[in-house]
Amino acid sequence: MSERVPRTGPRAVLPYAAAVVLLCALPLYLEAYWLRIGLFAMAAAIGAIGLNLLSGGTGQLSLGHAFFLAVGAYGYAWLAGEPGPGLPAPLALVLAVCLAGVAGGLFSPVSGRVRGIYLGVATLALVFLGHHVMLNAEAVTGGYNGRAVAPFTLLGFSFTSADPELSVLGVPFGAEERLWYLGLALLGLAWFTARNILRGRPGRALAAVRDSEVAAAVLGVPVARYRSAAFVVSSMYAGLSGALIALAFRRIVPDYFGLTLSIDYLAMIVLGGLGSVAGAVAGAAFVTALPLVLTRYADVLPLVDEPGAGGQGVGPTEAARYLYGAAIVLVLRYAPGGLVGLVRRTPAPGRRAAPAASAPADDGAPADAASPSVRPSHPKESPS
């Protein structure tokens, strides 16, 4: 089998370098509202990458992603705040991610043995159980009204609008500008970690489990172990996403972490492309930003009313759900590979489109994610 090799060299790195420079420069030009949207999108992208590792990489259905987001969010808020241990913010962030991983590990025996819709129903129970705990564990969560989130500080530098005051090229850097760079660093870490997982031996093993568990077991892949490990890693990604969401909101409430949030994350990975890191980021940006953009321009958009207006139209949130619901139908019908698959099939100017099976996988997807029919032709090529 001729295995596809990702593109390397300056031409392959140049788009990523340009994207990083552009993202780093945006706080100098955008107002706080758009930076807040971008921050929410980055937090959602981290969680979507984790869910894509689970659903796109291993083929496991999870409707409980919101539960692990809540574990990360409330874990950080309690560990770094009062009441709570009041730990340093970086340590609290790491422990919150580990706490989400422990929660995923406790559930991993179920995920290692239950499959399909049954696993989806089992994870759905986590959302309702978590919501009940969040409402009643008032000492940790603050109950129905939620709790405030301690600001993030690193080596005496506070990611808030003061202490110390900061200005870059004449632009005052408040909380949104500072948190933007924190979110960008965490998203970059999550992106490259997921790419390395999918491109290495674990990614090949996960792809084998996704394509055929029987064939993977015959090739020597410990199926239950990899399914459980994927659930733990996905939970840790969700915990990191939840902690960043808590920092962005500055106050978290139980009702945010409901079933609707889990469905939103499923929409993100379906729209972006299953098994693709870049697809998870693109889908998260679309699903997260759309209702906020509609809210911003509700007064000039037809059939869309401002929140609480009570007019003849629909609210921005409902309009956004209609739009990305229709987008999901269109993607499933005309672009099963999601937004990333659609981009891959678009030929570059002056170049003919390459066959789908030979397109280079440069976004972190495993080599056989785009063509599930490809199998190792020799036992030595199999994952172990």
Protein backbone atom coordinates (compact mmCIF):
# COMPACT_ATOMS: atom_id res chain seq x y z
CA MET A 1 0.00 0.00 0.00
CA SER A 2 1.36 3.43 -0.88
CA GLU A 3 0.73 5.44 2.27
CA ARG A 4 0.02 9.10 1.84
CA VAL A 5 2.66 11.39 3.28
CA PRO A 6 1.65 14.81 4.66
CA ARG A 7 3.14 17.79 2.86
CA THR A 8 6.19 19.30 4.48
CA GLY A 9 8.48 22.18 3.70
CA PRO A 10 8.19 25.97 3.69
CA ARG A 11 5.17 26.03 1.37
CA ALA A 12 3.23 23.77 3.75
CA VAL A 13 4.19 25.79 6.84
CA LEU A 14 3.56 29.22 5.31
CA PRO A 15 -0.29 29.17 5.60
CA TYR A 16 -0.09 28.21 9.28
CA ALA A 17 2.48 30.91 10.00
CA ALA A 18 0.34 33.51 8.23
CA ALA A 19 -2.73 32.40 10.19
CA VAL A 20 -0.86 32.69 13.50
CA VAL A 21 0.41 36.18 12.66
CA LEU A 22 -3.08 37.29 11.66
CA LEU A 23 -4.67 35.89 14.81
CA CYS A 24 -2.03 37.53 17.01
CA ALA A 25 -2.65 40.90 15.35
CA LEU A 26 -6.45 40.87 15.61
CA PRO A 27 -6.66 42.29 19.18
CA LEU A 28 -4.97 45.44 17.87
CA TYR A 29 -7.83 46.12 15.45
CA LEU A 30 -11.04 44.45 16.68
CA GLU A 31 -13.33 45.78 19.36
CA ALA A 32 -14.04 43.80 22.51
CA TYR A 33 -17.34 42.33 21.22
CA TRP A 34 -15.66 40.53 18.31
CA LEU A 35 -12.77 39.41 20.49
CA ARG A 36 -15.30 37.90 22.89
CA ILE A 37 -16.90 35.99 20.02
CA GLY A 38 -13.48 34.74 18.94
CA LEU A 39 -12.67 33.70 22.50
CA PHE A 40 -15.88 31.70 22.78
CA ALA A 41 -15.11 30.12 19.40
CA MET A 42 -11.61 29.11 20.52
CA ALA A 43 -12.97 27.56 23.71
CA ALA A 44 -15.59 25.65 21.72
CA ALA A 45 -12.95 24.55 19.20
CA ILE A 46 -10.91 22.86 21.93
CA GLY A 47 -13.95 20.88 23.07
CA ALA A 48 -14.89 20.07 19.47
CA ILE A 49 -11.40 18.69 18.79
CA GLY A 50 -11.80 16.36 21.77
CA LEU A 51 -15.22 15.19 20.64
CA ASN A 52 -13.88 14.66 17.12
CA LEU A 53 -11.15 12.41 18.50
CA LEU A 54 -13.89 10.35 20.10
CA SER A 55 -16.61 10.35 17.45
CA GLY A 56 -14.62 10.96 14.28
CA GLY A 57 -11.51 9.06 15.30
CA THR A 58 -13.05 6.09 17.08
CA GLY A 59 -16.67 6.14 15.94
CA GLN A 60 -18.17 6.49 19.44
CA LEU A 61 -21.36 8.49 19.89
CA SER A 62 -21.39 10.79 22.91
CA LEU A 63 -24.22 13.05 24.02
CA GLY A 64 -22.57 13.83 27.35
CA HIS A 65 -19.88 16.27 26.27
CA ALA A 66 -21.58 19.08 28.18
CA PHE A 67 -21.07 17.14 31.42
CA PHE A 68 -17.28 17.12 31.03
CA LEU A 69 -17.32 20.78 30.03
CA ALA A 70 -19.10 21.47 33.31
CA VAL A 71 -16.55 19.42 35.26
CA GLY A 72 -13.73 21.53 33.81
CA ALA A 73 -15.55 24.83 34.31
CA TYR A 74 -16.71 24.24 37.87
CA GLY A 75 -13.48 22.43 38.71
CA TYR A 76 -11.44 25.51 37.83
CA ALA A 77 -13.90 27.92 39.48
CA TRP A 78 -13.82 25.97 42.75
CA LEU A 79 -10.11 25.16 42.83
CA ALA A 80 -9.04 28.74 42.06
CA GLY A 81 -11.75 30.64 43.93
CA GLU A 82 -13.44 31.20 47.25
CA PRO A 83 -15.07 29.15 48.64
CA GLY A 84 -12.49 26.62 47.60
CA PRO A 85 -8.80 25.88 48.05
CA GLY A 86 -7.81 29.12 46.30
CA LEU A 87 -4.99 27.48 44.35
CA PRO A 88 -2.85 29.40 41.84
CA ALA A 89 -4.74 29.73 38.58
CA PRO A 90 -2.34 27.67 36.38
CA LEU A 91 -2.38 24.81 38.89
CA ALA A 92 -6.17 25.03 39.17
CA LEU A 93 -6.45 24.88 35.36
CA VAL A 94 -4.27 21.76 35.14
CA LEU A 95 -6.15 20.07 37.99
CA ALA A 96 -9.51 20.92 36.40
CA VAL A 97 -8.40 19.22 33.17
CA CYS A 98 -7.18 16.21 35.16
CA LEU A 99 -10.48 16.14 37.06
CA ALA A 100 -12.40 15.95 33.78
CA GLY A 101 -10.07 13.15 32.71
CA VAL A 102 -10.77 11.27 35.93
CA ALA A 103 -14.51 11.66 35.33
CA GLY A 104 -14.01 10.28 31.82
CA GLY A 105 -11.91 7.45 33.23
CA LEU A 106 -14.66 6.49 35.66
CA PHE A 107 -17.05 6.25 32.72
CA SER A 108 -14.54 4.60 30.36
CA PRO A 109 -15.44 1.00 31.31
CA VAL A 110 -18.91 1.73 29.94
CA SER A 111 -17.54 3.40 26.81
CA GLY A 112 -15.19 0.47 26.26
CA ARG A 113 -18.01 -2.04 26.09
CA VAL A 114 -21.20 -0.21 25.03
CA ARG A 115 -21.54 0.83 21.40
CA GLY A 116 -23.68 2.87 19.06
CA ILE A 117 -26.93 4.39 20.21
CA TYR A 118 -26.63 2.60 23.56
CA LEU A 119 -23.45 4.53 24.34
CA GLY A 120 -25.21 7.75 23.29
CA VAL A 121 -28.05 7.06 25.74
CA ALA A 122 -25.58 6.17 28.50
CA THR A 123 -23.69 9.45 28.02
CA LEU A 124 -26.98 11.32 27.87
CA ALA A 125 -27.60 10.20 31.45
CA LEU A 126 -24.42 12.06 32.47
CA VAL A 127 -25.93 15.39 31.38
CA PHE A 128 -29.03 14.98 33.56
CA LEU A 129 -27.01 13.62 36.47
CA GLY A 130 -24.53 16.47 36.21
CA HIS A 131 -27.30 19.09 36.06
CA HIS A 132 -28.84 17.66 39.24
CA VAL A 133 -25.48 17.77 41.02
CA MET A 134 -24.78 21.33 39.87
CA LEU A 135 -28.12 22.52 41.24
CA ASN A 136 -27.70 20.84 44.62
CA ALA A 137 -23.97 21.02 45.39
CA GLU A 138 -24.24 24.69 46.29
CA ALA A 139 -20.99 24.72 48.25
CA VAL A 140 -19.08 24.02 45.03
CA THR A 141 -21.31 25.25 42.21
CA GLY A 142 -23.32 28.03 43.84
CA GLY A 143 -26.59 26.29 42.96
CA TYR A 144 -29.06 27.74 40.48
CA ASN A 145 -27.45 31.19 40.43
CA GLY A 146 -24.01 29.77 39.67
CA ARG A 147 -20.77 31.21 40.91
CA ALA A 148 -18.19 33.77 39.92
CA VAL A 149 -14.94 32.63 38.33
CA ALA A 150 -11.58 33.71 39.69
CA PRO A 151 -9.48 35.56 37.09
CA PHE A 152 -6.49 33.82 35.56
CA THR A 153 -3.10 35.06 36.73
CA LEU A 154 0.33 33.92 35.59
CA LEU A 155 3.56 34.98 37.32
CA GLY A 156 1.83 38.02 38.79
CA PHE A 157 0.25 39.07 35.48
CA SER A 158 -3.55 39.22 35.60
CA PHE A 159 -5.71 38.45 32.57
CA THR A 160 -8.16 41.19 33.50
CA SER A 161 -8.61 44.83 32.51
CA ALA A 162 -6.33 46.04 35.32
CA ASP A 163 -3.41 45.07 37.54
CA PRO A 164 -1.27 45.89 35.71
CA GLU A 165 -2.60 48.29 33.12
CA LEU A 166 -1.30 47.41 29.68
CA SER A 167 -1.21 49.21 26.35
CA VAL A 168 0.28 47.82 23.11
CA LEU A 169 0.91 50.19 20.17
CA GLY A 170 -1.49 52.64 21.75
CA VAL A 171 -4.26 50.04 22.13
CA PRO A 172 -5.36 49.40 25.75
CA PHE A 173 -5.37 45.68 26.51
CA GLY A 174 -8.31 44.70 28.70
CA ALA A 175 -9.61 41.28 29.72
CA GLU A 176 -10.72 40.23 26.23
CA GLU A 177 -7.39 41.13 24.62
CA ARG A 178 -5.39 39.31 27.27
CA LEU A 179 -7.62 36.24 27.33
CA TRP A 180 -7.43 36.15 23.53
CA TYR A 181 -3.76 35.21 23.69
CA LEU A 182 -4.36 32.68 26.46
CA GLY A 183 -7.11 31.05 24.39
CA LEU A 184 -4.90 31.12 21.29
CA ALA A 185 -2.07 29.36 23.14
CA LEU A 186 -4.40 26.69 24.55
CA LEU A 187 -6.02 26.13 21.13
CA GLY A 188 -2.60 25.76 19.51
CA LEU A 189 -1.60 23.21 22.14
CA ALA A 190 -4.84 21.29 21.66
CA TRP A 191 -4.52 21.42 17.84
CA PHE A 192 -0.98 20.06 17.62
CA THR A 193 -1.53 17.44 20.31
CA ALA A 194 -4.54 16.08 18.43
CA ARG A 195 -2.63 16.12 15.12
CA ASN A 196 0.19 14.11 16.67
CA ILE A 197 -2.27 11.62 18.14
CA LEU A 198 -4.06 11.09 14.83
CA ARG A 199 -0.90 10.91 12.75
CA GLY A 200 0.91 8.48 15.05
CA ARG A 201 0.35 4.89 16.05
CA PRO A 202 -2.60 5.73 18.36
CA GLY A 203 -4.37 7.42 15.44
CA ARG A 204 -3.93 4.39 13.20
CA ALA A 205 -5.24 2.16 15.97
CA LEU A 206 -8.25 4.42 16.54
CA ALA A 207 -9.00 4.43 12.81
CA ALA A 208 -8.81 0.64 12.75
CA VAL A 209 -11.26 0.44 15.66
CA ARG A 210 -13.59 2.87 13.92
CA ASP A 211 -13.58 0.99 10.62
CA SER A 212 -13.97 -2.53 12.02
CA GLU A 213 -13.52 -3.63 15.60
CA VAL A 214 -13.29 -7.28 14.56
CA ALA A 215 -10.52 -6.57 12.05
CA ALA A 216 -8.72 -4.36 14.58
CA ALA A 217 -8.83 -7.12 17.20
CA VAL A 218 -7.48 -9.63 14.66
CA LEU A 219 -4.59 -7.26 13.91
CA GLY A 220 -3.74 -7.13 17.63
CA VAL A 221 -5.33 -3.81 18.62
CA PRO A 222 -6.71 -3.86 22.20
CA VAL A 223 -10.12 -2.48 21.22
CA ALA A 224 -11.58 -1.87 24.68
CA ARG A 225 -8.41 -0.13 25.85
CA TYR A 226 -8.31 2.25 22.89
CA ARG A 227 -12.01 3.02 23.15
CA SER A 228 -11.59 3.84 26.85
CA ALA A 229 -8.45 5.90 26.24
CA ALA A 230 -10.20 7.92 23.53
CA PHE A 231 -13.00 8.72 25.98
CA VAL A 232 -10.54 9.87 28.65
CA VAL A 233 -8.60 12.10 26.21
CA SER A 234 -11.85 13.55 24.85
CA SER A 235 -12.98 14.32 28.42
CA MET A 236 -9.73 16.15 29.16
CA TYR A 237 -10.18 18.28 26.05
CA ALA A 238 -13.71 19.07 27.22
CA GLY A 239 -12.39 19.99 30.67
CA LEU A 240 -9.90 22.45 29.16
CA SER A 241 -12.65 23.91 27.00
CA GLY A 242 -14.95 24.27 30.00
CA ALA A 243 -12.26 26.08 32.02
CA LEU A 244 -11.65 28.55 29.18
CA ILE A 245 -15.41 29.09 28.81
CA ALA A 246 -15.60 29.86 32.53
CA LEU A 247 -12.80 32.44 32.21
CA ALA A 248 -14.54 34.03 29.23
CA PHE A 249 -17.96 34.23 30.92
CA ARG A 250 -16.54 35.18 34.35
CA ARG A 251 -19.65 33.58 35.85
CA ILE A 252 -21.06 30.12 35.15
CA VAL A 253 -24.55 28.75 35.75
CA PRO A 254 -25.83 25.14 35.58
CA ASP A 255 -28.38 25.76 32.83
CA TYR A 256 -25.65 26.51 30.30
CA PHE A 257 -24.30 22.95 30.49
CA GLY A 258 -27.40 21.18 29.23
CA LEU A 259 -28.31 18.77 26.46
CA THR A 260 -28.49 21.60 23.93
CA LEU A 261 -24.79 22.28 24.42
CA SER A 262 -23.94 18.63 23.71
CA ILE A 263 -25.99 18.74 20.52
CA ASP A 264 -24.20 21.93 19.49
CA TYR A 265 -20.88 20.13 19.76
CA LEU A 266 -22.15 17.25 17.63
CA ALA A 267 -23.23 19.84 15.05
CA MET A 268 -19.74 21.35 15.12
CA ILE A 269 -17.92 18.14 14.21
CA VAL A 270 -20.50 17.08 11.60
CA LEU A 271 -20.37 20.46 9.87
CA GLY A 272 -16.59 20.70 10.02
CA GLY A 273 -15.82 17.10 9.09
CA LEU A 274 -15.51 13.96 11.20
CA GLY A 275 -11.95 12.88 11.91
CA SER A 276 -10.45 16.27 11.03
CA VAL A 277 -8.85 18.65 13.52
CA ALA A 278 -9.23 21.61 11.18
CA GLY A 279 -12.84 20.61 10.57
CA ALA A 280 -13.59 20.65 14.30
CA VAL A 281 -12.18 24.19 14.57
CA ALA A 282 -14.12 25.41 11.53
CA GLY A 283 -17.39 23.86 12.74
CA ALA A 284 -16.91 25.30 16.23
CA ALA A 285 -16.30 28.79 14.85
CA PHE A 286 -19.44 28.59 12.70
CA VAL A 287 -21.80 27.22 15.35
CA THR A 288 -20.48 29.49 18.13
CA ALA A 289 -20.26 32.74 16.19
CA LEU A 290 -23.51 32.53 14.21
CA PRO A 291 -25.99 33.31 17.05
CA LEU A 292 -23.76 36.08 18.41
CA VAL A 293 -23.41 37.71 14.99
CA LEU A 294 -27.17 37.47 14.44
CA THR A 295 -27.70 39.11 17.83
CA ARG A 296 -25.37 41.93 16.86
CA TYR A 297 -27.27 42.66 13.62
CA ALA A 298 -30.79 41.62 14.67
CA ASP A 299 -32.10 45.13 14.15
CA VAL A 300 -31.24 45.14 10.42
CA LEU A 301 -31.82 41.48 9.49
CA PRO A 302 -35.23 40.43 8.12
CA LEU A 303 -37.33 37.95 10.14
CA VAL A 304 -34.94 38.26 13.11
CA ASP A 305 -35.96 40.13 16.25
CA GLU A 306 -33.71 41.48 18.94
CA PRO A 307 -33.62 39.34 22.14
CA GLY A 308 -36.77 39.99 24.19
CA ALA A 309 -38.41 42.13 21.51
CA GLY A 310 -41.45 39.85 21.16
CA GLY A 311 -42.08 40.74 17.52
CA GLN A 312 -43.23 38.64 14.57
CA GLY A 313 -39.78 37.22 13.82
CA VAL A 314 -37.61 34.71 15.65
CA GLY A 315 -34.85 35.40 18.13
CA PRO A 316 -31.18 35.29 17.09
CA THR A 317 -30.55 32.01 18.89
CA GLU A 318 -33.51 30.26 17.25
CA ALA A 319 -32.58 31.70 13.85
CA ALA A 320 -29.03 30.43 14.27
CA ARG A 321 -30.29 26.91 15.09
CA TYR A 322 -32.48 26.93 11.98
CA LEU A 323 -29.55 28.01 9.84
CA TYR A 324 -26.97 25.54 11.04
CA GLY A 325 -29.62 22.82 11.14
CA ALA A 326 -30.18 23.46 7.44
CA ALA A 327 -26.39 23.52 6.98
CA ILE A 328 -26.13 20.07 8.55
CA VAL A 329 -28.71 18.70 6.11
CA LEU A 330 -26.86 20.24 3.15
CA VAL A 331 -23.50 18.95 4.37
CA LEU A 332 -24.80 15.42 4.87
CA ARG A 333 -26.42 15.49 1.44
CA TYR A 334 -23.79 17.17 -0.70
CA ALA A 335 -20.54 17.19 1.32
CA PRO A 336 -20.35 14.16 3.66
CA GLY A 337 -16.74 15.09 4.47
CA GLY A 338 -17.87 18.41 5.97
CA LEU A 339 -16.38 21.82 5.29
CA VAL A 340 -12.85 20.42 5.23
CA GLY A 341 -13.84 17.72 2.75
CA LEU A 342 -15.40 20.39 0.55
CA VAL A 343 -12.18 22.42 0.62
CA ARG A 344 -10.11 19.36 -0.23
CA ARG A 345 -12.20 18.66 -3.31
CA THR A 346 -11.79 22.25 -4.55
CA PRO A 347 -8.81 22.35 -6.94
CA ALA A 348 -6.22 25.08 -6.60
CA PRO A 349 -6.13 27.71 -9.39
CA GLY A 350 -4.51 26.25 -12.48
CA ARG A 351 -4.46 22.74 -11.05
CA ARG A 352 -6.77 19.85 -11.72
CA ALA A 353 -8.57 18.24 -8.79
CA ALA A 354 -6.80 15.18 -7.43
CA PRO A 355 -8.71 11.96 -6.69
CA ALA A 356 -10.18 11.89 -3.19
CA ALA A 357 -8.16 8.81 -2.21
CA SER A 358 -4.84 10.49 -3.00
CA ALA A 359 -5.49 13.89 -1.38
CA PRO A 360 -2.86 14.62 1.26
CA ALA A 361 -4.15 14.61 4.82
CA ASP A 362 -2.51 17.71 6.23
CA ASP A 363 -5.05 18.63 8.91
CA GLY A 364 -4.34 15.87 11.36
CA ALA A 365 -6.81 13.27 10.08
CA PRO A 366 -5.47 9.72 9.93
CA ALA A 367 -4.35 8.56 6.51
CA ASP A 368 -7.31 6.27 5.97
CA ALA A 369 -10.00 8.60 7.36
CA ALA A 370 -10.98 9.83 3.91
CA SER A 371 -11.04 6.33 2.41
CA PRO A 372 -12.26 3.79 4.98
CA SER A 373 -11.93 0.97 2.45
CA VAL A 374 -8.11 1.12 2.62
CA ARG A 375 -6.68 -1.60 4.83
CA PRO A 376 -3.07 -2.55 5.69
CA SER A 377 -1.85 -5.15 3.22
CA HIS A 378 0.65 -6.73 5.59
CA PRO A 379 0.45 -7.49 9.34
CA LYS A 380 3.58 -5.38 9.95
CA GLU A 381 1.71 -2.30 8.73
CA SER A 382 -1.06 -2.75 11.26
CA PRO A 383 -1.34 -0.61 14.41
CA SER A 384 -0.38 -2.15 17.66
